[in-house]
């Protein structure tokens, strides 16, 4: 689905914000499509920047894909154990 913030007649992909939503990732959960559309409608109705929201999700998705490679249970630093995954998860959550 192509998301634009103006009439398609006035839309210029070289100058205007746009985003594409791939619903194929919801193939196993088709009921979730309504949830996605509802979320976008609520954001738009409340005057929120839908494109900022979608960009934040994209950054979160990219970072989450890197987390799967970091399977370090605990890293010791001067006797204090740091959960690296928790820190990265916190970073991802902060970008919402």
PDB file of N, CA and C in Angstrom:
ATOM      1  N   UNK A   1       0.856  -1.160   0.000  1.00  0.00           N
ATOM      2  CA  UNK A   1       0.000   0.000   0.000  1.00  0.00           C
ATOM      3  C   UNK A   1       0.907   1.228   0.000  1.00  0.00           C
ATOM      4  N   UNK A   2       0.611   2.159  -0.890  1.00  0.00           N
ATOM      5  CA  UNK A   2       1.352   3.404  -0.967  1.00  0.00           C
ATOM      6  C   UNK A   2       0.696   4.416  -0.035  1.00  0.00           C
ATOM      7  N   UNK A   3       1.494   5.050   0.822  1.00  0.00           N
ATOM      8  CA  UNK A   3       0.997   6.058   1.757  1.00  0.00           C
ATOM      9  C   UNK A   3       1.564   7.404   1.319  1.00  0.00           C
ATOM     10  N   UNK A   4       0.668   8.343   1.060  1.00  0.00           N
ATOM     11  CA  UNK A   4       1.054   9.708   0.703  1.00  0.00           C
ATOM     12  C   UNK A   4       0.246  10.665   1.561  1.00  0.00           C
ATOM     13  N   UNK A   5       0.678  11.914   1.642  1.00  0.00           N
ATOM     14  CA  UNK A   5      -0.027  12.862   2.509  1.00  0.00           C
ATOM     15  C   UNK A   5      -0.766  13.954   1.745  1.00  0.00           C
ATOM     16  N   UNK A   6      -1.042  13.706   0.478  1.00  0.00           N
ATOM     17  CA  UNK A   6      -1.796  14.669  -0.331  1.00  0.00           C
ATOM     18  C   UNK A   6      -2.530  13.912  -1.416  1.00  0.00           C
ATOM     19  N   UNK A   7      -3.323  14.617  -2.174  1.00  0.00           N
ATOM     20  CA  UNK A   7      -4.055  13.944  -3.249  1.00  0.00           C
ATOM     21  C   UNK A   7      -3.038  13.359  -4.232  1.00  0.00           C
ATOM     22  N   UNK A   8      -3.383  12.267  -4.831  1.00  0.00           N
ATOM     23  CA  UNK A   8      -2.460  11.610  -5.746  1.00  0.00           C
ATOM     24  C   UNK A   8      -2.186  12.488  -6.962  1.00  0.00           C
ATOM     25  N   UNK A   9      -3.150  13.320  -7.313  1.00  0.00           N
ATOM     26  CA  UNK A   9      -3.005  14.244  -8.440  1.00  0.00           C
ATOM     27  C   UNK A   9      -1.871  15.243  -8.190  1.00  0.00           C
ATOM     28  N   UNK A  10      -1.728  15.681  -6.930  1.00  0.00           N
ATOM     29  CA  UNK A  10      -0.695  16.661  -6.571  1.00  0.00           C
ATOM     30  C   UNK A  10       0.605  16.017  -6.097  1.00  0.00           C
ATOM     31  N   UNK A  11       0.623  14.715  -5.987  1.00  0.00           N
ATOM     32  CA  UNK A  11       1.757  13.988  -5.423  1.00  0.00           C
ATOM     33  C   UNK A  11       2.912  13.911  -6.411  1.00  0.00           C
ATOM     34  N   UNK A  12       4.116  14.210  -5.914  1.00  0.00           N
ATOM     35  CA  UNK A  12       5.349  14.088  -6.698  1.00  0.00           C
ATOM     36  C   UNK A  12       6.338  13.282  -5.856  1.00  0.00           C
ATOM     37  N   UNK A  13       6.620  12.039  -6.226  1.00  0.00           N
ATOM     38  CA  UNK A  13       7.493  11.188  -5.402  1.00  0.00           C
ATOM     39  C   UNK A  13       8.913  11.716  -5.249  1.00  0.00           C
ATOM     40  N   UNK A  14       9.311  12.637  -6.094  1.00  0.00           N
ATOM     41  CA  UNK A  14      10.655  13.213  -5.985  1.00  0.00           C
ATOM     42  C   UNK A  14      10.734  14.254  -4.886  1.00  0.00           C
ATOM     43  N   UNK A  15       9.586  14.859  -4.538  1.00  0.00           N
ATOM     44  CA  UNK A  15       9.583  15.952  -3.568  1.00  0.00           C
ATOM     45  C   UNK A  15       8.749  15.688  -2.325  1.00  0.00           C
ATOM     46  N   UNK A  16       7.780  14.802  -2.416  1.00  0.00           N
ATOM     47  CA  UNK A  16       6.837  14.579  -1.320  1.00  0.00           C
ATOM     48  C   UNK A  16       7.168  13.302  -0.551  1.00  0.00           C
ATOM     49  N   UNK A  17       6.782  13.303   0.727  1.00  0.00           N
ATOM     50  CA  UNK A  17       6.959  12.093   1.538  1.00  0.00           C
ATOM     51  C   UNK A  17       6.042  10.989   1.037  1.00  0.00           C
ATOM     52  N   UNK A  18       6.562   9.767   1.072  1.00  0.00           N
ATOM     53  CA  UNK A  18       5.758   8.605   0.727  1.00  0.00           C
ATOM     54  C   UNK A  18       6.366   7.384   1.397  1.00  0.00           C
ATOM     55  N   UNK A  19       5.550   6.370   1.529  1.00  0.00           N
ATOM     56  CA  UNK A  19       6.015   5.120   2.129  1.00  0.00           C
ATOM     57  C   UNK A  19       5.213   3.979   1.538  1.00  0.00           C
ATOM     58  N   UNK A  20       5.807   2.811   1.500  1.00  0.00           N
ATOM     59  CA  UNK A  20       5.107   1.620   1.022  1.00  0.00           C
ATOM     60  C   UNK A  20       5.009   0.636   2.178  1.00  0.00           C
ATOM     61  N   UNK A  21       3.806   0.150   2.425  1.00  0.00           N
ATOM     62  CA  UNK A  21       3.573  -0.881   3.442  1.00  0.00           C
ATOM     63  C   UNK A  21       3.417  -2.218   2.742  1.00  0.00           C
ATOM     64  N   UNK A  22       4.218  -3.190   3.156  1.00  0.00           N
ATOM     65  CA  UNK A  22       4.158  -4.529   2.580  1.00  0.00           C
ATOM     66  C   UNK A  22       3.330  -5.407   3.496  1.00  0.00           C
ATOM     67  N   UNK A  23       2.141  -5.735   3.088  1.00  0.00           N
ATOM     68  CA  UNK A  23       1.259  -6.562   3.898  1.00  0.00           C
ATOM     69  C   UNK A  23       1.581  -8.048   3.779  1.00  0.00           C
ATOM     70  N   UNK A  24       2.480  -8.403   2.886  1.00  0.00           N
ATOM     71  CA  UNK A  24       2.829  -9.820   2.724  1.00  0.00           C
ATOM     72  C   UNK A  24       3.441 -10.391   3.997  1.00  0.00           C
ATOM     73  N   UNK A  25       4.034  -9.527   4.835  1.00  0.00           N
ATOM     74  CA  UNK A  25       4.605 -10.021   6.090  1.00  0.00           C
ATOM     75  C   UNK A  25       3.520 -10.433   7.077  1.00  0.00           C
ATOM     76  N   UNK A  26       2.272 -10.061   6.808  1.00  0.00           N
ATOM     77  CA  UNK A  26       1.147 -10.446   7.671  1.00  0.00           C
ATOM     78  C   UNK A  26       0.380 -11.633   7.094  1.00  0.00           C
ATOM     79  N   UNK A  27       0.976 -12.340   6.179  1.00  0.00           N
ATOM     80  CA  UNK A  27       0.328 -13.475   5.515  1.00  0.00           C
ATOM     81  C   UNK A  27      -0.235 -14.479   6.519  1.00  0.00           C
ATOM     82  N   UNK A  28       0.497 -14.743   7.582  1.00  0.00           N
ATOM     83  CA  UNK A  28       0.037 -15.711   8.583  1.00  0.00           C
ATOM     84  C   UNK A  28      -0.891 -15.096   9.625  1.00  0.00           C
ATOM     85  N   UNK A  29      -1.054 -13.775   9.563  1.00  0.00           N
ATOM     86  CA  UNK A  29      -1.932 -13.074  10.515  1.00  0.00           C
ATOM     87  C   UNK A  29      -2.793 -12.052   9.777  1.00  0.00           C
ATOM     88  N   UNK A  30      -3.655 -12.496   8.878  1.00  0.00           N
ATOM     89  CA  UNK A  30      -4.430 -11.558   8.065  1.00  0.00           C
ATOM     90  C   UNK A  30      -5.344 -10.640   8.877  1.00  0.00           C
ATOM     91  N   UNK A  31      -5.730 -11.051  10.073  1.00  0.00           N
ATOM     92  CA  UNK A  31      -6.571 -10.194  10.913  1.00  0.00           C
ATOM     93  C   UNK A  31      -5.833  -8.939  11.361  1.00  0.00           C
ATOM     94  N   UNK A  32      -4.520  -8.953  11.298  1.00  0.00           N
ATOM     95  CA  UNK A  32      -3.716  -7.816  11.738  1.00  0.00           C
ATOM     96  C   UNK A  32      -3.757  -6.645  10.763  1.00  0.00           C
ATOM     97  N   UNK A  33      -4.175  -6.882   9.538  1.00  0.00           N
ATOM     98  CA  UNK A  33      -4.238  -5.799   8.551  1.00  0.00           C
ATOM     99  C   UNK A  33      -5.147  -4.687   9.058  1.00  0.00           C
ATOM    100  N   UNK A  34      -6.286  -5.045   9.619  1.00  0.00           N
ATOM    101  CA  UNK A  34      -7.212  -4.039  10.157  1.00  0.00           C
ATOM    102  C   UNK A  34      -6.555  -3.249  11.284  1.00  0.00           C
ATOM    103  N   UNK A  35      -5.756  -3.899  12.105  1.00  0.00           N
ATOM    104  CA  UNK A  35      -5.056  -3.208  13.198  1.00  0.00           C
ATOM    105  C   UNK A  35      -4.067  -2.183  12.663  1.00  0.00           C
ATOM    106  N   UNK A  36      -3.354  -2.554  11.615  1.00  0.00           N
ATOM    107  CA  UNK A  36      -2.377  -1.648  11.004  1.00  0.00           C
ATOM    108  C   UNK A  36      -3.088  -0.421  10.435  1.00  0.00           C
ATOM    109  N   UNK A  37      -4.151  -0.645   9.697  1.00  0.00           N
ATOM    110  CA  UNK A  37      -4.890   0.467   9.102  1.00  0.00           C
ATOM    111  C   UNK A  37      -5.509   1.357  10.178  1.00  0.00           C
ATOM    112  N   UNK A  38      -5.997   0.742  11.242  1.00  0.00           N
ATOM    113  CA  UNK A  38      -6.580   1.508  12.340  1.00  0.00           C
ATOM    114  C   UNK A  38      -5.513   2.399  13.000  1.00  0.00           C
ATOM    115  N   UNK A  39      -4.324   1.848  13.235  1.00  0.00           N
ATOM    116  CA  UNK A  39      -3.235   2.615  13.842  1.00  0.00           C
ATOM    117  C   UNK A  39      -2.891   3.836  12.992  1.00  0.00           C
ATOM    118  N   UNK A  40      -2.785   3.648  11.686  1.00  0.00           N
ATOM    119  CA  UNK A  40      -2.466   4.762  10.790  1.00  0.00           C
ATOM    120  C   UNK A  40      -3.580   5.803  10.785  1.00  0.00           C
ATOM    121  N   UNK A  41      -4.829   5.339  10.821  1.00  0.00           N
ATOM    122  CA  UNK A  41      -5.968   6.265  10.845  1.00  0.00           C
ATOM    123  C   UNK A  41      -5.978   7.092  12.129  1.00  0.00           C
ATOM    124  N   UNK A  42      -5.698   6.450  13.257  1.00  0.00           N
ATOM    125  CA  UNK A  42      -5.678   7.158  14.542  1.00  0.00           C
ATOM    126  C   UNK A  42      -4.560   8.196  14.557  1.00  0.00           C
ATOM    127  N   UNK A  43      -3.383   7.824  14.084  1.00  0.00           N
ATOM    128  CA  UNK A  43      -2.270   8.773  14.019  1.00  0.00           C
ATOM    129  C   UNK A  43      -2.646   9.987  13.167  1.00  0.00           C
ATOM    130  N   UNK A  44      -3.204   9.726  12.010  1.00  0.00           N
ATOM    131  CA  UNK A  44      -3.584  10.800  11.100  1.00  0.00           C
ATOM    132  C   UNK A  44      -4.666  11.689  11.695  1.00  0.00           C
ATOM    133  N   UNK A  45      -5.675  11.053  12.279  1.00  0.00           N
ATOM    134  CA  UNK A  45      -6.789  11.809  12.876  1.00  0.00           C
ATOM    135  C   UNK A  45      -6.312  12.687  14.027  1.00  0.00           C
ATOM    136  N   UNK A  46      -5.301  12.232  14.767  1.00  0.00           N
ATOM    137  CA  UNK A  46      -4.770  12.994  15.900  1.00  0.00           C
ATOM    138  C   UNK A  46      -3.693  13.998  15.493  1.00  0.00           C
ATOM    139  N   UNK A  47      -3.496  14.160  14.199  1.00  0.00           N
ATOM    140  CA  UNK A  47      -2.539  15.147  13.713  1.00  0.00           C
ATOM    141  C   UNK A  47      -1.083  14.743  13.862  1.00  0.00           C
ATOM    142  N   UNK A  48      -0.828  13.467  14.085  1.00  0.00           N
ATOM    143  CA  UNK A  48       0.547  12.982  14.225  1.00  0.00           C
ATOM    144  C   UNK A  48       1.173  12.806  12.851  1.00  0.00           C
ATOM    145  N   UNK A  49       2.488  12.861  12.808  1.00  0.00           N
ATOM    146  CA  UNK A  49       3.222  12.676  11.554  1.00  0.00           C
ATOM    147  C   UNK A  49       3.351  11.183  11.277  1.00  0.00           C
ATOM    148  N   UNK A  50       2.558  10.688  10.359  1.00  0.00           N
ATOM    149  CA  UNK A  50       2.549   9.257  10.027  1.00  0.00           C
ATOM    150  C   UNK A  50       3.900   8.826   9.473  1.00  0.00           C
ATOM    151  N   UNK A  51       4.538   9.690   8.707  1.00  0.00           N
ATOM    152  CA  UNK A  51       5.825   9.326   8.109  1.00  0.00           C
ATOM    153  C   UNK A  51       6.921   9.194   9.168  1.00  0.00           C
ATOM    154  N   UNK A  52       6.894  10.033  10.182  1.00  0.00           N
ATOM    155  CA  UNK A  52       7.854   9.891  11.285  1.00  0.00           C
ATOM    156  C   UNK A  52       7.648   8.568  11.998  1.00  0.00           C
ATOM    157  N   UNK A  53       6.389   8.208  12.206  1.00  0.00           N
ATOM    158  CA  UNK A  53       6.063   6.926  12.848  1.00  0.00           C
ATOM    159  C   UNK A  53       6.585   5.758  12.008  1.00  0.00           C
ATOM    160  N   UNK A  54       6.342   5.799  10.703  1.00  0.00           N
ATOM    161  CA  UNK A  54       6.788   4.707   9.831  1.00  0.00           C
ATOM    162  C   UNK A  54       8.309   4.635   9.754  1.00  0.00           C
ATOM    163  N   UNK A  55       8.976   5.795   9.746  1.00  0.00           N
ATOM    164  CA  UNK A  55      10.441   5.799   9.729  1.00  0.00           C
ATOM    165  C   UNK A  55      11.008   5.236  11.027  1.00  0.00           C
ATOM    166  N   UNK A  56      10.363   5.552  12.155  1.00  0.00           N
ATOM    167  CA  UNK A  56      10.807   5.014  13.446  1.00  0.00           C
ATOM    168  C   UNK A  56      10.654   3.498  13.466  1.00  0.00           C
ATOM    169  N   UNK A  57       9.568   3.001  12.899  1.00  0.00           N
ATOM    170  CA  UNK A  57       9.379   1.552  12.823  1.00  0.00           C
ATOM    171  C   UNK A  57      10.446   0.905  11.956  1.00  0.00           C
ATOM    172  N   UNK A  58      10.806   1.572  10.884  1.00  0.00           N
ATOM    173  CA  UNK A  58      11.842   1.039   9.998  1.00  0.00           C
ATOM    174  C   UNK A  58      13.179   0.958  10.721  1.00  0.00           C
ATOM    175  N   UNK A  59      13.530   2.022  11.476  1.00  0.00           N
ATOM    176  CA  UNK A  59      14.782   1.999  12.245  1.00  0.00           C
ATOM    177  C   UNK A  59      14.735   0.902  13.297  1.00  0.00           C
ATOM    178  N   UNK A  60      13.591   0.778  13.958  1.00  0.00           N
ATOM    179  CA  UNK A  60      13.430  -0.240  14.985  1.00  0.00           C
ATOM    180  C   UNK A  60      13.573  -1.633  14.379  1.00  0.00           C
ATOM    181  N   UNK A  61      12.997  -1.844  13.212  1.00  0.00           N
ATOM    182  CA  UNK A  61      13.074  -3.140  12.538  1.00  0.00           C
ATOM    183  C   UNK A  61      14.510  -3.470  12.153  1.00  0.00           C
ATOM    184  N   UNK A  62      15.239  -2.468  11.651  1.00  0.00           N
ATOM    185  CA  UNK A  62      16.640  -2.704  11.280  1.00  0.00           C
ATOM    186  C   UNK A  62      17.478  -3.059  12.506  1.00  0.00           C
ATOM    187  N   UNK A  63      17.266  -2.338  13.601  1.00  0.00           N
ATOM    188  CA  UNK A  63      18.025  -2.611  14.817  1.00  0.00           C
ATOM    189  C   UNK A  63      17.638  -3.963  15.400  1.00  0.00           C
ATOM    190  N   UNK A  64      16.348  -4.292  15.361  1.00  0.00           N
ATOM    191  CA  UNK A  64      15.893  -5.579  15.883  1.00  0.00           C
ATOM    192  C   UNK A  64      16.496  -6.730  15.090  1.00  0.00           C
ATOM    193  N   UNK A  65      16.695  -6.529  13.796  1.00  0.00           N
ATOM    194  CA  UNK A  65      17.297  -7.601  12.996  1.00  0.00           C
ATOM    195  C   UNK A  65      18.759  -7.815  13.376  1.00  0.00           C
ATOM    196  N   UNK A  66      19.411  -6.776  13.910  1.00  0.00           N
ATOM    197  CA  UNK A  66      20.794  -6.931  14.361  1.00  0.00           C
ATOM    198  C   UNK A  66      20.859  -7.605  15.729  1.00  0.00           C
ATOM    199  N   UNK A  67      19.832  -7.416  16.554  1.00  0.00           N
ATOM    200  CA  UNK A  67      19.825  -7.985  17.897  1.00  0.00           C
ATOM    201  C   UNK A  67      19.952  -9.508  17.850  1.00  0.00           C
ATOM    202  N   UNK A  68      19.347 -10.133  16.847  1.00  0.00           N
ATOM    203  CA  UNK A  68      19.381 -11.592  16.790  1.00  0.00           C
ATOM    204  C   UNK A  68      20.810 -12.126  16.665  1.00  0.00           C
ATOM    205  N   UNK A  69      21.736 -11.304  16.211  1.00  0.00           N
ATOM    206  CA  UNK A  69      23.128 -11.732  16.104  1.00  0.00           C
ATOM    207  C   UNK A  69      23.902 -11.520  17.401  1.00  0.00           C
ATOM    208  N   UNK A  70      23.326 -10.771  18.320  1.00  0.00           N
ATOM    209  CA  UNK A  70      23.990 -10.506  19.590  1.00  0.00           C
ATOM    210  C   UNK A  70      23.399 -11.404  20.666  1.00  0.00           C
ATOM    211  N   UNK A  71      23.874 -12.600  20.759  1.00  0.00           N
ATOM    212  CA  UNK A  71      23.380 -13.559  21.739  1.00  0.00           C
ATOM    213  C   UNK A  71      24.376 -13.724  22.875  1.00  0.00           C
ATOM    214  N   UNK A  72      24.821 -12.606  23.392  1.00  0.00           N
ATOM    215  CA  UNK A  72      25.740 -12.609  24.520  1.00  0.00           C
ATOM    216  C   UNK A  72      24.900 -12.529  25.781  1.00  0.00           C
ATOM    217  N   UNK A  73      24.984 -13.559  26.643  1.00  0.00           N
ATOM    218  CA  UNK A  73      24.159 -13.564  27.847  1.00  0.00           C
ATOM    219  C   UNK A  73      24.588 -12.474  28.820  1.00  0.00           C
ATOM    220  N   UNK A  74      25.862 -12.437  29.127  1.00  0.00           N
ATOM    221  CA  UNK A  74      26.356 -11.437  30.074  1.00  0.00           C
ATOM    222  C   UNK A  74      27.781 -11.078  29.714  1.00  0.00           C
ATOM    223  N   UNK A  75      28.074  -9.806  29.858  1.00  0.00           N
ATOM    224  CA  UNK A  75      29.423  -9.311  29.610  1.00  0.00           C
ATOM    225  C   UNK A  75      29.900  -8.698  30.914  1.00  0.00           C
ATOM    226  N   UNK A  76      31.054  -9.112  31.390  1.00  0.00           N
ATOM    227  CA  UNK A  76      31.545  -8.588  32.662  1.00  0.00           C
ATOM    228  C   UNK A  76      32.343  -7.317  32.463  1.00  0.00           C
ATOM    229  N   UNK A  77      32.064  -6.334  33.310  1.00  0.00           N
ATOM    230  CA  UNK A  77      32.837  -5.091  33.285  1.00  0.00           C
ATOM    231  C   UNK A  77      33.062  -4.670  34.730  1.00  0.00           C
ATOM    232  N   UNK A  78      34.259  -4.917  35.236  1.00  0.00           N
ATOM    233  CA  UNK A  78      34.609  -4.586  36.609  1.00  0.00           C
ATOM    234  C   UNK A  78      33.655  -5.221  37.621  1.00  0.00           C
ATOM    235  N   UNK A  79      33.283  -6.472  37.399  1.00  0.00           N
ATOM    236  CA  UNK A  79      32.421  -7.188  38.335  1.00  0.00           C
ATOM    237  C   UNK A  79      30.941  -6.897  38.172  1.00  0.00           C
ATOM    238  N   UNK A  80      30.576  -5.989  37.295  1.00  0.00           N
ATOM    239  CA  UNK A  80      29.169  -5.678  37.039  1.00  0.00           C
ATOM    240  C   UNK A  80      28.783  -6.342  35.723  1.00  0.00           C
ATOM    241  N   UNK A  81      27.687  -7.100  35.767  1.00  0.00           N
ATOM    242  CA  UNK A  81      27.245  -7.772  34.560  1.00  0.00           C
ATOM    243  C   UNK A  81      26.231  -6.914  33.820  1.00  0.00           C
ATOM    244  N   UNK A  82      26.463  -6.739  32.559  1.00  0.00           N
ATOM    245  CA  UNK A  82      25.609  -5.890  31.723  1.00  0.00           C
ATOM    246  C   UNK A  82      24.893  -6.770  30.716  1.00  0.00           C
ATOM    247  N   UNK A  83      23.571  -6.626  30.662  1.00  0.00           N
ATOM    248  CA  UNK A  83      22.768  -7.358  29.682  1.00  0.00           C
ATOM    249  C   UNK A  83      22.736  -6.533  28.399  1.00  0.00           C
ATOM    250  N   UNK A  84      23.568  -6.913  27.445  1.00  0.00           N
ATOM    251  CA  UNK A  84      23.700  -6.163  26.201  1.00  0.00           C
ATOM    252  C   UNK A  84      22.374  -6.109  25.445  1.00  0.00           C
ATOM    253  N   UNK A  85      21.641  -7.209  25.408  1.00  0.00           N
ATOM    254  CA  UNK A  85      20.361  -7.228  24.696  1.00  0.00           C
ATOM    255  C   UNK A  85      19.363  -6.263  25.334  1.00  0.00           C
ATOM    256  N   UNK A  86      19.382  -6.147  26.659  1.00  0.00           N
ATOM    257  CA  UNK A  86      18.464  -5.226  27.331  1.00  0.00           C
ATOM    258  C   UNK A  86      18.781  -3.787  26.954  1.00  0.00           C
ATOM    259  N   UNK A  87      20.052  -3.458  26.823  1.00  0.00           N
ATOM    260  CA  UNK A  87      20.441  -2.102  26.438  1.00  0.00           C
ATOM    261  C   UNK A  87      19.970  -1.810  25.015  1.00  0.00           C
ATOM    262  N   UNK A  88      20.217  -2.739  24.125  1.00  0.00           N
ATOM    263  CA  UNK A  88      19.788  -2.540  22.731  1.00  0.00           C
ATOM    264  C   UNK A  88      18.263  -2.471  22.658  1.00  0.00           C
ATOM    265  N   UNK A  89      17.573  -3.318  23.403  1.00  0.00           N
ATOM    266  CA  UNK A  89      16.107  -3.270  23.449  1.00  0.00           C
ATOM    267  C   UNK A  89      15.616  -1.933  23.964  1.00  0.00           C
ATOM    268  N   UNK A  90      16.317  -1.380  24.930  1.00  0.00           N
ATOM    269  CA  UNK A  90      15.944  -0.076  25.465  1.00  0.00           C
ATOM    270  C   UNK A  90      16.136   1.020  24.420  1.00  0.00           C
ATOM    271  N   UNK A  91      17.214   0.914  23.647  1.00  0.00           N
ATOM    272  CA  UNK A  91      17.451   1.877  22.564  1.00  0.00           C
ATOM    273  C   UNK A  91      16.341   1.798  21.550  1.00  0.00           C
ATOM    274  N   UNK A  92      15.947   0.589  21.188  1.00  0.00           N
ATOM    275  CA  UNK A  92      14.873   0.397  20.212  1.00  0.00           C
ATOM    276  C   UNK A  92      13.582   1.009  20.751  1.00  0.00           C
ATOM    277  N   UNK A  93      13.270   0.781  22.032  1.00  0.00           N
ATOM    278  CA  UNK A  93      12.062   1.322  22.633  1.00  0.00           C
ATOM    279  C   UNK A  93      12.061   2.833  22.703  1.00  0.00           C
ATOM    280  N   UNK A  94      13.238   3.425  22.849  1.00  0.00           N
ATOM    281  CA  UNK A  94      13.334   4.885  22.956  1.00  0.00           C
ATOM    282  C   UNK A  94      13.023   5.585  21.649  1.00  0.00           C
ATOM    283  N   UNK A  95      13.111   4.872  20.539  1.00  0.00           N
ATOM    284  CA  UNK A  95      12.880   5.494  19.240  1.00  0.00           C
ATOM    285  C   UNK A  95      11.421   5.461  18.817  1.00  0.00           C
ATOM    286  N   UNK A  96      10.523   5.004  19.662  1.00  0.00           N
ATOM    287  CA  UNK A  96       9.111   4.920  19.281  1.00  0.00           C
ATOM    288  C   UNK A  96       8.544   6.282  19.025  1.00  0.00           C
TER     289      UNK A  96
END
